[in-house]
Amino acid sequence: MRRLKLVNTNIAGHSILPTPRHIRELLPASEKSLRTVAEGRQAIQDILDGKDRRRLLVVGPCSIHDPKAAYEYAKRLAGLAKRVSGRFLVAMRVYFEKPRTTVGWKGLINDPGMDDSFRIEAGLKLARRLLLRITDLGLPTASEALDPITPQYLGELVCWHAIGARTIESQTHRELASGLSSPIGFKNGTDGNVQVAIDAMRSALRPHHFLGVDPDGRISVFRTRGNRYGHIVLRGGKAPNYDRESVRRCAEALEKAGLPRKIMIDCSHGNSQKDPKRQPLVFAESLAQAQEPGSPIMGFMLESNLHEGNQPIGDGPGKLLYGVSITDACLGWEDTERTILSAP
């Protein structure tokens, strides 16, 4: 009888990655980097607990594709963060993985060459090196938790994680969120549905068991304690949802669910209708709300890069404009700086 092939029929091949422990030992964190992360996480927790009256401001590129440009941006942002440290805790948006609605570039970790070569080991090393350099500046970091294995390679260098709009209903990501060591923001769905984010936040509060890899690359069952430092991120959907009525309804839904009334406003995506020039307006109007007594708004997000707009990958990295996004269009640096410094 002919032997039937029933396993891996659609797998073309596989390669072995170095273990998380190997990569972490190859690219170790300095004492300053670890202190930056510890202090950044504690400050964000204090904001969520109401002990720190500042607002969290997550700002930076939609995605990282050029570590050199990202580090130049980080140096500028570190200087700006010091200037506004009395009003904001600034964390740099350092997103290495991009969920795609259909297909497209999946981020620096998956495809660092932007050429479908998918050199994931090289991408992990590039991402870790950049996080080390940014945290060595004393600048807190923020990233999206997308692949459940990646945090074993990079997690101790991230101060704040987000669960994105495309994965907010995923059980895997809710389990992952419950075990992450950082505070975490839950984005509303791509259509604007806030209830799915509230459900995710409730789930992540609870202990879970899930499959993953340990630092030595062994398949393991992880048992989580639950993550109580969660909050909602309103990012718009079919329509913006940063207006007072939308914020009020979200706060009431959080309270009804027995959750903290803590809301971040994403000034990009659906709230700006993907027009970067609208982000300063969204920021100003949201900040005015945040300054009202009893406001649930605890933070903001801006998508920003060295230069405004975005560009297609086209013929490859050699033809790309320096410091311009290859995913969502971003606010340029000068407008970013002006927007943040104008905050009362």
Protein backbone atom coordinates (compact mmCIF):
# COMPACT_ATOMS: atom_id res chain seq x y z
CA MET A 1 0.00 0.00 0.00
CA ARG A 2 1.33 3.42 -0.98
CA ARG A 3 2.28 5.52 2.07
CA LEU A 4 0.07 8.62 2.23
CA LYS A 5 1.66 11.93 3.06
CA LEU A 6 -0.63 13.63 5.56
CA VAL A 7 1.70 15.95 7.49
CA ASN A 8 3.20 19.25 6.30
CA THR A 9 1.78 18.85 2.82
CA ASN A 10 1.86 22.62 2.31
CA ILE A 11 5.21 23.25 4.01
CA ALA A 12 8.02 23.92 1.53
CA GLY A 13 10.76 23.76 4.17
CA HIS A 14 11.92 25.11 7.50
CA SER A 15 15.04 26.45 9.19
CA ILE A 16 16.17 26.44 12.82
CA LEU A 17 16.39 29.75 14.67
CA PRO A 18 18.85 30.42 17.48
CA THR A 19 17.19 30.18 20.88
CA PRO A 20 16.02 33.30 22.70
CA ARG A 21 18.74 32.72 25.31
CA HIS A 22 21.43 32.62 22.60
CA ILE A 23 20.27 35.90 21.04
CA ARG A 24 19.98 37.59 24.44
CA GLU A 25 23.49 36.46 25.38
CA LEU A 26 24.85 37.48 21.99
CA LEU A 27 23.28 40.94 22.35
CA PRO A 28 23.10 41.58 26.11
CA ALA A 29 21.32 44.54 27.66
CA SER A 30 23.33 47.16 29.52
CA GLU A 31 22.44 48.22 33.05
CA LYS A 32 21.20 51.53 31.63
CA SER A 33 18.90 49.78 29.14
CA LEU A 34 17.40 47.57 31.83
CA ARG A 35 16.98 50.53 34.16
CA THR A 36 15.24 52.50 31.39
CA VAL A 37 12.75 49.67 30.90
CA ALA A 38 12.15 49.12 34.61
CA GLU A 39 11.63 52.82 35.28
CA GLY A 40 9.51 53.25 32.15
CA ARG A 41 7.19 50.39 33.09
CA GLN A 42 6.87 51.67 36.64
CA ALA A 43 6.05 55.19 35.44
CA ILE A 44 3.34 53.86 33.11
CA GLN A 45 1.90 51.77 35.95
CA ASP A 46 1.90 54.87 38.14
CA ILE A 47 -0.02 56.78 35.44
CA LEU A 48 -2.59 53.99 35.24
CA ASP A 49 -2.83 53.89 39.05
CA GLY A 50 -3.30 57.67 39.22
CA LYS A 51 -0.06 58.18 41.18
CA ASP A 52 1.59 60.09 38.31
CA ARG A 53 -0.49 62.96 36.89
CA ARG A 54 1.35 63.02 33.57
CA ARG A 55 -0.06 61.49 30.38
CA LEU A 56 1.61 58.70 28.46
CA LEU A 57 2.59 59.77 24.95
CA VAL A 58 3.51 56.96 22.54
CA VAL A 59 5.06 58.56 19.46
CA GLY A 60 7.13 57.31 16.56
CA PRO A 61 7.06 55.62 13.14
CA CYS A 62 4.17 53.47 12.00
CA SER A 63 6.78 50.75 11.47
CA ILE A 64 10.55 50.42 11.61
CA HIS A 65 12.24 49.54 8.32
CA ASP A 66 15.56 51.42 8.56
CA PRO A 67 17.36 51.11 11.94
CA LYS A 68 19.66 54.03 11.08
CA ALA A 69 16.76 56.44 10.50
CA ALA A 70 14.93 55.02 13.54
CA TYR A 71 17.91 55.71 15.79
CA GLU A 72 18.24 59.26 14.46
CA TYR A 73 14.57 59.72 15.27
CA ALA A 74 15.11 58.24 18.75
CA LYS A 75 17.89 60.72 19.52
CA ARG A 76 15.65 63.63 18.58
CA LEU A 77 12.74 62.19 20.57
CA ALA A 78 14.91 61.60 23.65
CA GLY A 79 15.78 65.30 23.67
CA LEU A 80 12.15 66.32 23.22
CA ALA A 81 11.04 63.89 25.95
CA LYS A 82 13.24 65.71 28.47
CA ARG A 83 11.74 69.07 27.51
CA VAL A 84 8.18 67.90 28.17
CA SER A 85 8.88 65.46 31.02
CA GLY A 86 6.76 67.49 33.44
CA ARG A 87 3.65 66.93 31.31
CA PHE A 88 4.22 63.68 29.45
CA LEU A 89 5.99 60.37 29.80
CA VAL A 90 7.20 59.86 26.23
CA ALA A 91 7.76 56.35 24.85
CA MET A 92 8.98 55.72 21.32
CA ARG A 93 6.80 53.64 19.04
CA VAL A 94 9.14 50.84 17.86
CA TYR A 95 6.96 48.50 15.80
CA PHE A 96 8.81 45.61 14.13
CA GLU A 97 5.85 43.43 13.09
CA LYS A 98 2.92 44.49 10.93
CA PRO A 99 -0.35 42.54 10.72
CA ARG A 100 -1.67 42.63 7.16
CA THR A 101 -5.31 42.68 6.13
CA THR A 102 -4.42 40.55 3.08
CA VAL A 103 -0.75 40.52 2.06
CA GLY A 104 2.17 42.94 2.16
CA TRP A 105 5.42 43.64 3.98
CA LYS A 106 5.20 42.06 7.44
CA GLY A 107 7.85 44.14 9.17
CA LEU A 108 11.55 44.30 9.96
CA ILE A 109 11.65 41.03 11.89
CA ASN A 110 9.95 38.98 9.18
CA ASP A 111 11.58 40.56 6.14
CA PRO A 112 14.44 42.93 7.00
CA GLY A 113 15.59 43.08 3.37
CA MET A 114 12.12 44.11 2.15
CA ASP A 115 12.68 41.64 -0.71
CA ASP A 116 10.68 38.56 0.36
CA SER A 117 13.86 36.83 1.56
CA PHE A 118 12.38 36.50 5.09
CA ARG A 119 15.70 36.41 6.96
CA ILE A 120 14.00 36.28 10.34
CA GLU A 121 17.17 35.59 12.35
CA ALA A 122 18.74 38.76 10.92
CA GLY A 123 15.50 40.65 11.63
CA LEU A 124 15.46 39.58 15.27
CA LYS A 125 19.06 40.71 15.72
CA LEU A 126 18.40 44.08 14.03
CA ALA A 127 15.35 44.63 16.22
CA ARG A 128 17.19 43.75 19.42
CA ARG A 129 20.18 45.95 18.56
CA LEU A 130 17.88 48.90 17.91
CA LEU A 131 15.96 48.42 21.17
CA LEU A 132 19.27 48.25 23.04
CA ARG A 133 20.44 51.51 21.48
CA ILE A 134 17.15 53.31 22.11
CA THR A 135 16.87 52.25 25.75
CA ASP A 136 20.54 53.13 26.22
CA LEU A 137 19.46 56.70 25.44
CA GLY A 138 17.14 56.52 28.44
CA LEU A 139 14.07 56.53 26.16
CA PRO A 140 11.21 54.13 26.99
CA THR A 141 9.91 51.92 24.17
CA ALA A 142 6.50 50.79 22.93
CA SER A 143 5.70 47.97 20.51
CA GLU A 144 2.91 45.71 19.29
CA ALA A 145 2.70 42.14 20.58
CA LEU A 146 1.94 40.21 17.41
CA ASP A 147 3.93 36.97 17.22
CA PRO A 148 3.63 35.06 20.52
CA ILE A 149 7.26 33.85 20.35
CA THR A 150 8.94 37.22 19.68
CA PRO A 151 8.66 38.53 23.28
CA GLN A 152 11.10 35.81 24.38
CA TYR A 153 13.71 37.53 22.18
CA LEU A 154 12.82 41.18 22.82
CA GLY A 155 10.33 41.45 25.69
CA GLU A 156 12.68 42.70 28.42
CA LEU A 157 13.47 45.77 26.27
CA VAL A 158 9.86 46.95 25.81
CA CYS A 159 8.09 49.22 28.33
CA TRP A 160 4.57 49.13 26.83
CA HIS A 161 2.87 46.73 24.44
CA ALA A 162 -0.26 47.01 22.34
CA ILE A 163 -2.64 44.36 21.10
CA GLY A 164 -3.65 45.62 17.65
CA ALA A 165 -7.03 46.08 16.05
CA ARG A 166 -6.59 43.03 13.80
CA THR A 167 -5.72 40.63 16.63
CA ILE A 168 -7.85 42.00 19.47
CA GLU A 169 -10.34 39.09 19.19
CA SER A 170 -7.61 36.43 19.09
CA GLN A 171 -7.56 34.07 22.08
CA THR A 172 -3.82 33.57 21.58
CA HIS A 173 -3.15 37.30 21.94
CA ARG A 174 -5.39 37.64 24.97
CA GLU A 175 -3.47 34.81 26.63
CA LEU A 176 -0.18 36.40 25.63
CA ALA A 177 -1.30 39.76 27.05
CA SER A 178 -2.13 38.13 30.37
CA GLY A 179 1.50 37.05 30.72
CA LEU A 180 3.36 40.07 29.38
CA SER A 181 5.52 41.89 31.94
CA SER A 182 4.66 45.34 30.59
CA PRO A 183 1.51 47.48 30.75
CA ILE A 184 -0.60 46.92 27.68
CA GLY A 185 -3.05 48.84 25.50
CA PHE A 186 -5.99 47.09 23.82
CA LYS A 187 -7.09 48.71 20.56
CA ASN A 188 -10.68 48.75 19.42
CA GLY A 189 -11.46 46.67 16.31
CA THR A 190 -10.82 47.93 12.79
CA ASP A 191 -14.53 48.70 12.42
CA GLY A 192 -14.55 50.76 15.61
CA ASN A 193 -15.98 48.05 17.89
CA VAL A 194 -14.88 48.91 21.44
CA GLN A 195 -16.55 45.92 23.15
CA VAL A 196 -13.99 43.49 21.68
CA ALA A 197 -11.20 45.49 23.34
CA ILE A 198 -13.05 45.50 26.66
CA ASP A 199 -13.55 41.73 26.37
CA ALA A 200 -9.83 41.31 25.64
CA MET A 201 -8.90 43.45 28.63
CA ARG A 202 -11.15 41.37 30.89
CA SER A 203 -9.65 38.16 29.55
CA ALA A 204 -6.06 39.36 30.03
CA LEU A 205 -6.80 40.17 33.67
CA ARG A 206 -7.30 36.46 34.31
CA PRO A 207 -4.72 33.65 34.61
CA HIS A 208 -4.27 31.51 31.49
CA HIS A 209 -2.32 28.52 30.21
CA PHE A 210 -0.89 28.59 26.70
CA LEU A 211 1.78 27.01 24.52
CA GLY A 212 5.02 28.82 23.77
CA VAL A 213 8.79 28.43 23.74
CA ASP A 214 11.05 28.92 26.77
CA PRO A 215 14.41 30.75 26.64
CA ASP A 216 16.07 27.55 25.45
CA GLY A 217 13.63 27.07 22.59
CA ARG A 218 11.69 24.19 24.15
CA ILE A 219 7.95 23.94 23.62
CA SER A 220 6.41 24.75 27.01
CA VAL A 221 3.11 25.36 28.72
CA PHE A 222 3.09 28.83 30.27
CA ARG A 223 0.89 29.66 33.25
CA THR A 224 0.12 33.37 33.62
CA ARG A 225 -0.94 35.47 36.58
CA GLY A 226 -2.99 37.95 34.55
CA ASN A 227 -2.03 41.52 33.66
CA ARG A 228 -3.84 44.21 35.63
CA TYR A 229 -2.11 47.09 33.89
CA GLY A 230 -4.30 47.24 30.82
CA HIS A 231 -6.21 50.08 29.18
CA ILE A 232 -8.23 50.78 26.05
CA VAL A 233 -6.83 52.51 22.95
CA LEU A 234 -9.46 54.32 20.85
CA ARG A 235 -8.09 54.36 17.30
CA GLY A 236 -11.25 55.06 15.31
CA GLY A 237 -12.84 52.73 12.80
CA LYS A 238 -15.46 53.47 10.19
CA ALA A 239 -15.63 56.85 11.92
CA PRO A 240 -13.41 58.68 14.45
CA ASN A 241 -14.07 57.90 18.13
CA TYR A 242 -12.02 60.50 20.02
CA ASP A 243 -14.98 62.87 20.47
CA ARG A 244 -16.44 63.47 23.92
CA GLU A 245 -19.46 61.25 23.37
CA SER A 246 -17.39 58.30 22.18
CA VAL A 247 -14.98 58.69 25.10
CA ARG A 248 -17.89 58.94 27.54
CA ARG A 249 -19.53 55.78 26.20
CA CYS A 250 -16.24 53.88 26.34
CA ALA A 251 -15.62 54.99 29.93
CA GLU A 252 -19.14 53.90 30.94
CA ALA A 253 -18.65 50.51 29.26
CA LEU A 254 -15.36 50.02 31.11
CA GLU A 255 -17.00 50.90 34.41
CA LYS A 256 -19.92 48.54 33.72
CA ALA A 257 -17.39 45.75 33.04
CA GLY A 258 -15.67 46.46 36.36
CA LEU A 259 -12.55 47.78 34.64
CA PRO A 260 -10.53 50.96 35.23
CA ARG A 261 -11.70 54.00 33.26
CA LYS A 262 -8.37 54.42 31.46
CA ILE A 263 -8.35 55.40 27.80
CA MET A 264 -5.60 56.30 25.34
CA ILE A 265 -6.44 58.24 22.18
CA ASP A 266 -4.65 57.10 19.02
CA CYS A 267 -4.46 60.29 16.96
CA SER A 268 -3.73 58.34 13.77
CA HIS A 269 -5.56 55.52 11.96
CA GLY A 270 -9.33 55.98 11.88
CA ASN A 271 -9.26 59.02 14.16
CA SER A 272 -7.24 61.03 11.62
CA GLN A 273 -8.84 59.19 8.69
CA LYS A 274 -5.25 58.23 7.82
CA ASP A 275 -4.38 61.85 7.02
CA PRO A 276 -1.24 62.71 9.05
CA LYS A 277 -2.02 66.43 8.81
CA ARG A 278 -5.09 65.81 10.97
CA GLN A 279 -3.15 64.25 13.85
CA PRO A 280 -2.31 67.61 15.53
CA LEU A 281 -6.02 68.51 15.52
CA VAL A 282 -7.00 65.17 17.07
CA PHE A 283 -4.23 65.56 19.65
CA ALA A 284 -5.27 69.12 20.59
CA GLU A 285 -8.96 68.25 20.94
CA SER A 286 -8.22 65.08 22.92
CA LEU A 287 -5.77 66.89 25.18
CA ALA A 288 -8.44 69.50 25.94
CA GLN A 289 -10.72 66.67 27.06
CA ALA A 290 -7.95 65.09 29.13
CA GLN A 291 -7.51 68.29 31.11
CA GLU A 292 -11.13 68.34 32.23
CA PRO A 293 -11.81 67.11 35.79
CA GLY A 294 -12.42 63.38 35.97
CA SER A 295 -11.36 62.70 32.38
CA PRO A 296 -10.58 59.02 31.68
CA ILE A 297 -7.97 59.93 29.05
CA MET A 298 -4.52 58.83 30.26
CA GLY A 299 -2.48 58.97 27.08
CA PHE A 300 -2.10 59.60 23.38
CA MET A 301 -0.44 58.03 20.35
CA LEU A 302 1.06 59.83 17.35
CA GLU A 303 2.48 58.23 14.21
CA SER A 304 5.52 60.28 13.32
CA ASN A 305 8.74 59.95 11.34
CA LEU A 306 11.68 62.10 10.30
CA HIS A 307 9.75 63.20 7.23
CA GLU A 308 6.04 63.44 6.45
CA GLY A 309 4.01 61.00 4.40
CA ASN A 310 4.75 57.51 3.16
CA GLN A 311 6.17 55.72 0.12
CA PRO A 312 5.85 52.33 -1.58
CA ILE A 313 8.69 49.83 -1.28
CA GLY A 314 8.76 49.75 -5.06
CA ASP A 315 12.13 48.67 -6.45
CA GLY A 316 13.65 47.94 -3.03
CA PRO A 317 15.41 49.63 -0.13
CA GLY A 318 18.10 51.21 -2.28
CA LYS A 319 15.51 53.50 -3.90
CA LEU A 320 13.69 54.54 -0.73
CA LEU A 321 13.64 58.09 0.62
CA TYR A 322 15.40 58.34 3.99
CA GLY A 323 13.17 58.73 7.04
CA VAL A 324 9.86 58.28 5.21
CA SER A 325 7.38 55.57 6.25
CA ILE A 326 6.74 52.55 4.03
CA THR A 327 3.48 51.72 5.79
CA ASP A 328 0.99 54.33 7.09
CA ALA A 329 1.65 57.98 6.33
CA CYS A 330 3.28 59.77 9.28
CA LEU A 331 3.59 63.28 10.62
CA GLY A 332 7.02 64.82 9.94
CA TRP A 333 9.44 65.64 12.76
CA GLU A 334 9.01 69.43 12.72
CA ASP A 335 5.21 69.15 12.97
CA THR A 336 5.56 66.48 15.66
CA GLU A 337 7.81 68.65 17.76
CA ARG A 338 5.55 71.68 17.27
CA THR A 339 2.45 69.67 18.20
CA ILE A 340 3.92 68.27 21.41
CA LEU A 341 5.55 71.51 22.55
CA SER A 342 2.28 73.40 22.01
CA ALA A 343 0.53 71.29 24.64
CA PRO A 344 -0.36 73.45 27.66
